[in-house]
C-alpha atoms as a PDB file:
ATOM      1  CA  UNK A   1      69.831  75.408 159.068  1.00  0.00           C
ATOM      2  CA  UNK A   2      71.628  73.606 156.254  1.00  0.00           C
ATOM      3  CA  UNK A   3      71.857  75.507 152.938  1.00  0.00           C
ATOM      4  CA  UNK A   4      73.916  74.238 150.023  1.00  0.00           C
ATOM      5  CA  UNK A   5      75.047  76.259 147.008  1.00  0.00           C
ATOM      6  CA  UNK A   6      75.298  74.756 143.520  1.00  0.00           C
ATOM      7  CA  UNK A   7      76.689  75.773 140.154  1.00  0.00           C
ATOM      8  CA  UNK A   8      75.936  73.600 137.101  1.00  0.00           C
ATOM      9  CA  UNK A   9      74.795  70.771 139.417  1.00  0.00           C
ATOM     10  CA  UNK A  10      78.122  70.835 141.306  1.00  0.00           C
ATOM     11  CA  UNK A  11      78.051  71.779 144.976  1.00  0.00           C
ATOM     12  CA  UNK A  12      80.097  74.870 145.774  1.00  0.00           C
ATOM     13  CA  UNK A  13      82.397  74.391 148.745  1.00  0.00           C
ATOM     14  CA  UNK A  14      84.585  77.015 150.448  1.00  0.00           C
ATOM     15  CA  UNK A  15      87.764  77.587 148.409  1.00  0.00           C
ATOM     16  CA  UNK A  16      90.144  80.338 147.281  1.00  0.00           C
ATOM     17  CA  UNK A  17      87.457  81.992 145.168  1.00  0.00           C
ATOM     18  CA  UNK A  18      84.356  80.789 147.043  1.00  0.00           C
ATOM     19  CA  UNK A  19      83.413  82.216 150.456  1.00  0.00           C
ATOM     20  CA  UNK A  20      80.319  80.955 152.283  1.00  0.00           C
ATOM     21  CA  UNK A  21      79.219  82.799 155.419  1.00  0.00           C
ATOM     22  CA  UNK A  22      76.622  80.995 157.516  1.00  0.00           C
ATOM     23  CA  UNK A  23      74.663  82.346 160.483  1.00  0.00           C
ATOM     24  CA  UNK A  24      71.580  81.128 162.351  1.00  0.00           C
ATOM     25  CA  UNK A  25      69.273  82.942 159.931  1.00  0.00           C
ATOM     26  CA  UNK A  26      71.067  83.124 156.593  1.00  0.00           C
ATOM     27  CA  UNK A  27      73.759  81.802 154.299  1.00  0.00           C
ATOM     28  CA  UNK A  28      75.693  84.215 152.133  1.00  0.00           C
ATOM     29  CA  UNK A  29      77.731  83.198 149.066  1.00  0.00           C
ATOM     30  CA  UNK A  30      80.591  85.403 147.809  1.00  0.00           C
ATOM     31  CA  UNK A  31      82.443  84.548 144.603  1.00  0.00           C
ATOM     32  CA  UNK A  32      85.871  86.144 144.347  1.00  0.00           C
ATOM     33  CA  UNK A  33      87.385  86.758 140.926  1.00  0.00           C
ATOM     34  CA  UNK A  34      90.702  84.904 140.723  1.00  0.00           C
ATOM     35  CA  UNK A  35      93.018  84.396 137.780  1.00  0.00           C
ATOM     36  CA  UNK A  36      95.024  81.278 136.996  1.00  0.00           C
ATOM     37  CA  UNK A  37      98.792  81.286 137.214  1.00  0.00           C
ATOM     38  CA  UNK A  38     101.005  80.752 134.154  1.00  0.00           C
ATOM     39  CA  UNK A  39     101.237  77.315 132.568  1.00  0.00           C
ATOM     40  CA  UNK A  40     104.538  75.440 132.497  1.00  0.00           C
ATOM     41  CA  UNK A  41     107.099  76.581 129.921  1.00  0.00           C
ATOM     42  CA  UNK A  42     106.085  75.286 126.465  1.00  0.00           C
ATOM     43  CA  UNK A  43     108.177  72.524 124.905  1.00  0.00           C
ATOM     44  CA  UNK A  44     108.736  72.092 121.172  1.00  0.00           C
ATOM     45  CA  UNK A  45     107.325  68.726 120.107  1.00  0.00           C
ATOM     46  CA  UNK A  46     108.225  69.141 116.433  1.00  0.00           C
ATOM     47  CA  UNK A  47     109.257  71.976 114.128  1.00  0.00           C
ATOM     48  CA  UNK A  48     108.860  72.394 110.391  1.00  0.00           C
ATOM     49  CA  UNK A  49     109.471  75.201 107.918  1.00  0.00           C
ATOM     50  CA  UNK A  50     105.929  76.576 108.271  1.00  0.00           C
ATOM     51  CA  UNK A  51     104.725  75.351 111.690  1.00  0.00           C
ATOM     52  CA  UNK A  52     105.782  74.427 115.207  1.00  0.00           C
ATOM     53  CA  UNK A  53     103.944  71.956 117.460  1.00  0.00           C
ATOM     54  CA  UNK A  54     104.094  72.836 121.160  1.00  0.00           C
ATOM     55  CA  UNK A  55     102.985  71.189 124.383  1.00  0.00           C
ATOM     56  CA  UNK A  56     102.744  72.463 127.957  1.00  0.00           C
ATOM     57  CA  UNK A  57     101.290  71.512 131.316  1.00  0.00           C
ATOM     58  CA  UNK A  58      98.409  73.463 132.849  1.00  0.00           C
ATOM     59  CA  UNK A  59      99.126  75.936 135.654  1.00  0.00           C
ATOM     60  CA  UNK A  60      99.492  74.599 139.197  1.00  0.00           C
ATOM     61  CA  UNK A  61      97.259  77.448 140.419  1.00  0.00           C
ATOM     62  CA  UNK A  62      94.017  77.402 138.419  1.00  0.00           C
ATOM     63  CA  UNK A  63      92.534  80.350 140.295  1.00  0.00           C
ATOM     64  CA  UNK A  64      89.900  77.984 141.662  1.00  0.00           C
ATOM     65  CA  UNK A  65      88.220  77.486 138.311  1.00  0.00           C
ATOM     66  CA  UNK A  66      88.349  75.275 135.234  1.00  0.00           C
ATOM     67  CA  UNK A  67      90.890  76.285 132.560  1.00  0.00           C
ATOM     68  CA  UNK A  68      88.923  76.882 129.359  1.00  0.00           C
ATOM     69  CA  UNK A  69      91.806  77.578 126.981  1.00  0.00           C
ATOM     70  CA  UNK A  70      95.074  79.381 126.372  1.00  0.00           C
ATOM     71  CA  UNK A  71      96.273  82.418 124.462  1.00  0.00           C
ATOM     72  CA  UNK A  72      99.360  81.622 122.436  1.00  0.00           C
ATOM     73  CA  UNK A  73     101.556  84.529 121.314  1.00  0.00           C
ATOM     74  CA  UNK A  74     104.489  84.787 118.915  1.00  0.00           C
ATOM     75  CA  UNK A  75     107.103  87.369 118.086  1.00  0.00           C
ATOM     76  CA  UNK A  76     109.826  87.600 115.483  1.00  0.00           C
ATOM     77  CA  UNK A  77     113.398  87.415 116.784  1.00  0.00           C
ATOM     78  CA  UNK A  78     114.823  90.867 117.305  1.00  0.00           C
ATOM     79  CA  UNK A  79     111.447  92.601 117.692  1.00  0.00           C
ATOM     80  CA  UNK A  80     109.306  93.595 120.678  1.00  0.00           C
ATOM     81  CA  UNK A  81     106.008  93.125 118.832  1.00  0.00           C
ATOM     82  CA  UNK A  82     103.931  90.175 120.058  1.00  0.00           C
ATOM     83  CA  UNK A  83     100.805  88.936 118.324  1.00  0.00           C
ATOM     84  CA  UNK A  84      98.262  86.285 119.270  1.00  0.00           C
ATOM     85  CA  UNK A  85      98.446  83.119 117.203  1.00  0.00           C
ATOM     86  CA  UNK A  86      95.091  81.681 118.234  1.00  0.00           C
ATOM     87  CA  UNK A  87      92.983  84.798 118.790  1.00  0.00           C
ATOM     88  CA  UNK A  88      89.318  84.498 117.909  1.00  0.00           C
ATOM     89  CA  UNK A  89      89.509  87.884 116.192  1.00  0.00           C
ATOM     90  CA  UNK A  90      89.941  88.091 112.450  1.00  0.00           C
ATOM     91  CA  UNK A  91      93.147  89.020 110.693  1.00  0.00           C
ATOM     92  CA  UNK A  92      93.145  92.071 108.497  1.00  0.00           C
ATOM     93  CA  UNK A  93      92.866  92.182 104.711  1.00  0.00           C
ATOM     94  CA  UNK A  94      95.283  93.340 102.009  1.00  0.00           C
ATOM     95  CA  UNK A  95      96.335  96.946 101.638  1.00  0.00           C
ATOM     96  CA  UNK A  96      95.095  98.643  98.454  1.00  0.00           C
ATOM     97  CA  UNK A  97      96.395 101.287  96.070  1.00  0.00           C
ATOM     98  CA  UNK A  98     100.063 100.434  96.685  1.00  0.00           C
ATOM     99  CA  UNK A  99     102.159 103.069  94.874  1.00  0.00           C
ATOM    100  CA  UNK A 100     105.800 103.954  94.371  1.00  0.00           C
ATOM    101  CA  UNK A 101     105.788 107.688  95.129  1.00  0.00           C
ATOM    102  CA  UNK A 102     109.495 108.345  94.526  1.00  0.00           C
ATOM    103  CA  UNK A 103     112.786 106.513  94.084  1.00  0.00           C
ATOM    104  CA  UNK A 104     116.517 107.100  93.910  1.00  0.00           C
ATOM    105  CA  UNK A 105     119.619 104.952  93.553  1.00  0.00           C
ATOM    106  CA  UNK A 106     119.358 103.984  97.245  1.00  0.00           C
ATOM    107  CA  UNK A 107     115.697 104.459  98.261  1.00  0.00           C
ATOM    108  CA  UNK A 108     112.063 103.634  97.428  1.00  0.00           C
ATOM    109  CA  UNK A 109     109.199 105.690  98.874  1.00  0.00           C
ATOM    110  CA  UNK A 110     105.861 103.885  99.073  1.00  0.00           C
ATOM    111  CA  UNK A 111     102.269 104.794  99.926  1.00  0.00           C
ATOM    112  CA  UNK A 112      99.120 102.695 100.221  1.00  0.00           C
ATOM    113  CA  UNK A 113      95.556 102.691 101.510  1.00  0.00           C
ATOM    114  CA  UNK A 114      94.638 100.704 104.599  1.00  0.00           C
ATOM    115  CA  UNK A 115      92.524  97.562 104.110  1.00  0.00           C
ATOM    116  CA  UNK A 116      88.763  97.864 104.398  1.00  0.00           C
ATOM    117  CA  UNK A 117      87.300  96.499 107.609  1.00  0.00           C
ATOM    118  CA  UNK A 118      84.688  93.805 106.939  1.00  0.00           C
ATOM    119  CA  UNK A 119      82.711  93.025 110.094  1.00  0.00           C
ATOM    120  CA  UNK A 120      83.063  89.374 111.077  1.00  0.00           C
ATOM    121  CA  UNK A 121      85.514  88.690 108.250  1.00  0.00           C
ATOM    122  CA  UNK A 122      88.461  91.098 108.376  1.00  0.00           C
ATOM    123  CA  UNK A 123      89.337  93.348 111.323  1.00  0.00           C
ATOM    124  CA  UNK A 124      91.026  96.741 111.237  1.00  0.00           C
ATOM    125  CA  UNK A 125      94.761  96.892 110.506  1.00  0.00           C
ATOM    126  CA  UNK A 126      96.872  98.026 113.460  1.00  0.00           C
ATOM    127  CA  UNK A 127     100.158  98.353 111.608  1.00  0.00           C
ATOM    128  CA  UNK A 128     102.152  97.469 108.519  1.00  0.00           C
ATOM    129  CA  UNK A 129     105.321  95.655 107.526  1.00  0.00           C
ATOM    130  CA  UNK A 130     107.200  96.586 104.371  1.00  0.00           C
ATOM    131  CA  UNK A 131     109.215  93.750 102.858  1.00  0.00           C
ATOM    132  CA  UNK A 132     111.727  93.604 100.016  1.00  0.00           C
ATOM    133  CA  UNK A 133     113.354  90.752  98.140  1.00  0.00           C
ATOM    134  CA  UNK A 134     116.278  91.178  95.753  1.00  0.00           C
ATOM    135  CA  UNK A 135     115.313  89.689  92.397  1.00  0.00           C
ATOM    136  CA  UNK A 136     117.986  86.981  92.690  1.00  0.00           C
ATOM    137  CA  UNK A 137     116.848  85.927  96.199  1.00  0.00           C
ATOM    138  CA  UNK A 138     113.939  83.800  97.387  1.00  0.00           C
ATOM    139  CA  UNK A 139     113.832  85.299 100.901  1.00  0.00           C
ATOM    140  CA  UNK A 140     111.764  88.309 101.935  1.00  0.00           C
ATOM    141  CA  UNK A 141     113.220  90.740 104.482  1.00  0.00           C
ATOM    142  CA  UNK A 142     111.304  93.069 106.817  1.00  0.00           C
ATOM    143  CA  UNK A 143     112.382  96.672 106.292  1.00  0.00           C
ATOM    144  CA  UNK A 144     110.825  97.703 109.617  1.00  0.00           C
ATOM    145  CA  UNK A 145     111.371  95.549 112.720  1.00  0.00           C
ATOM    146  CA  UNK A 146     108.085  96.611 114.334  1.00  0.00           C
ATOM    147  CA  UNK A 147     104.805  97.467 112.586  1.00  0.00           C
ATOM    148  CA  UNK A 148     104.401 101.089 111.498  1.00  0.00           C
ATOM    149  CA  UNK A 149     101.065 102.870 111.826  1.00  0.00           C
ATOM    150  CA  UNK A 150     101.507 105.245 108.875  1.00  0.00           C
ATOM    151  CA  UNK A 151     100.410 104.273 105.359  1.00  0.00           C
ATOM    152  CA  UNK A 152     103.694 105.370 103.800  1.00  0.00           C
ATOM    153  CA  UNK A 153     107.300 104.274 104.162  1.00  0.00           C
ATOM    154  CA  UNK A 154     110.721 104.924 102.658  1.00  0.00           C
ATOM    155  CA  UNK A 155     112.997 101.930 102.148  1.00  0.00           C
ATOM    156  CA  UNK A 156     116.649 102.904 102.656  1.00  0.00           C
ATOM    157  CA  UNK A 157     120.010 101.315 101.876  1.00  0.00           C
ATOM    158  CA  UNK A 158     119.283  99.843  98.450  1.00  0.00           C
ATOM    159  CA  UNK A 159     122.000  98.987  95.934  1.00  0.00           C
ATOM    160  CA  UNK A 160     122.063 101.324  92.939  1.00  0.00           C
ATOM    161  CA  UNK A 161     120.451  99.807  89.840  1.00  0.00           C
ATOM    162  CA  UNK A 162     119.552  96.596  91.728  1.00  0.00           C
ATOM    163  CA  UNK A 163     116.096  95.102  91.146  1.00  0.00           C
ATOM    164  CA  UNK A 164     113.768  94.357  94.071  1.00  0.00           C
ATOM    165  CA  UNK A 165     110.364  92.854  94.632  1.00  0.00           C
ATOM    166  CA  UNK A 166     108.441  94.956  97.172  1.00  0.00           C
ATOM    167  CA  UNK A 167     105.317  94.210  99.202  1.00  0.00           C
ATOM    168  CA  UNK A 168     103.330  95.525 102.185  1.00  0.00           C
ATOM    169  CA  UNK A 169     101.635  93.375 104.828  1.00  0.00           C
ATOM    170  CA  UNK A 170      98.905  94.705 107.113  1.00  0.00           C
ATOM    171  CA  UNK A 171      98.860  93.212 110.611  1.00  0.00           C
ATOM    172  CA  UNK A 172      96.719  93.222 113.752  1.00  0.00           C
ATOM    173  CA  UNK A 173      96.247  91.128 116.908  1.00  0.00           C
ATOM    174  CA  UNK A 174      94.747  88.332 114.812  1.00  0.00           C
ATOM    175  CA  UNK A 175      97.973  88.004 112.797  1.00  0.00           C
ATOM    176  CA  UNK A 176      99.383  89.144 109.486  1.00  0.00           C
ATOM    177  CA  UNK A 177      97.145  89.718 106.467  1.00  0.00           C
ATOM    178  CA  UNK A 178      97.877  88.674 102.914  1.00  0.00           C
ATOM    179  CA  UNK A 179     100.787  90.565 101.296  1.00  0.00           C
ATOM    180  CA  UNK A 180     100.126  93.169  98.590  1.00  0.00           C
ATOM    181  CA  UNK A 181     102.965  93.662  96.140  1.00  0.00           C
ATOM    182  CA  UNK A 182     103.649  95.207  92.752  1.00  0.00           C
ATOM    183  CA  UNK A 183     103.121  93.248  89.545  1.00  0.00           C
ATOM    184  CA  UNK A 184     106.743  93.926  88.544  1.00  0.00           C
ATOM    185  CA  UNK A 185     110.054  94.320  90.299  1.00  0.00           C
ATOM    186  CA  UNK A 186     111.384  97.833  90.920  1.00  0.00           C
ATOM    187  CA  UNK A 187     114.893  99.043  90.033  1.00  0.00           C
ATOM    188  CA  UNK A 188     116.689 101.303  92.507  1.00  0.00           C
ATOM    189  CA  UNK A 189     117.086 104.395  90.336  1.00  0.00           C
ATOM    190  CA  UNK A 190     115.465 107.810  89.877  1.00  0.00           C
ATOM    191  CA  UNK A 191     112.070 107.784  88.129  1.00  0.00           C
ATOM    192  CA  UNK A 192     112.101 107.333  84.368  1.00  0.00           C
ATOM    193  CA  UNK A 193     108.430 107.916  83.694  1.00  0.00           C
ATOM    194  CA  UNK A 194     107.619 104.239  84.224  1.00  0.00           C
ATOM    195  CA  UNK A 195     104.385 103.507  86.117  1.00  0.00           C
ATOM    196  CA  UNK A 196     103.997 100.558  88.476  1.00  0.00           C
END
């Protein structure tokens, strides 16, 4: 008896993930779930201020199947938080109702409402970054190295009477959402009745 097994018009032959047992009366096919090994270490092809082009070679061990794609992850230097760059999932939206709840000469306390989840458009936020930028600087700085799950945060170590731009960024496995900031800068000082 000669029985052949096919998948998508390709004959299946015994391999790492394909077992074919043949007897006088039957042929039994067993497919074993195997995973590919890691690809070669990525190489930087070119780097710019807002993007990096990478290349890599496919894994030597494909797990006996065709490689359909890759998950590419990134993390910010000095943090342990990794996020997928090319995930099919959606990034999250902007936080809402950002408020300055208290301030002093060295601190700002903030609160906000998490972004609304919009099915198929914006996924749920899994954490938040708070960023500040002194008024004389063009560079934003993370106040928290890893995303926080609470919807409030106190920024510490400010210079008395210095002016800062402040914003909050929601993040999830799809990446960082659009920042939400105040319309005006905030001065590191106790409240004076001014609303933001």
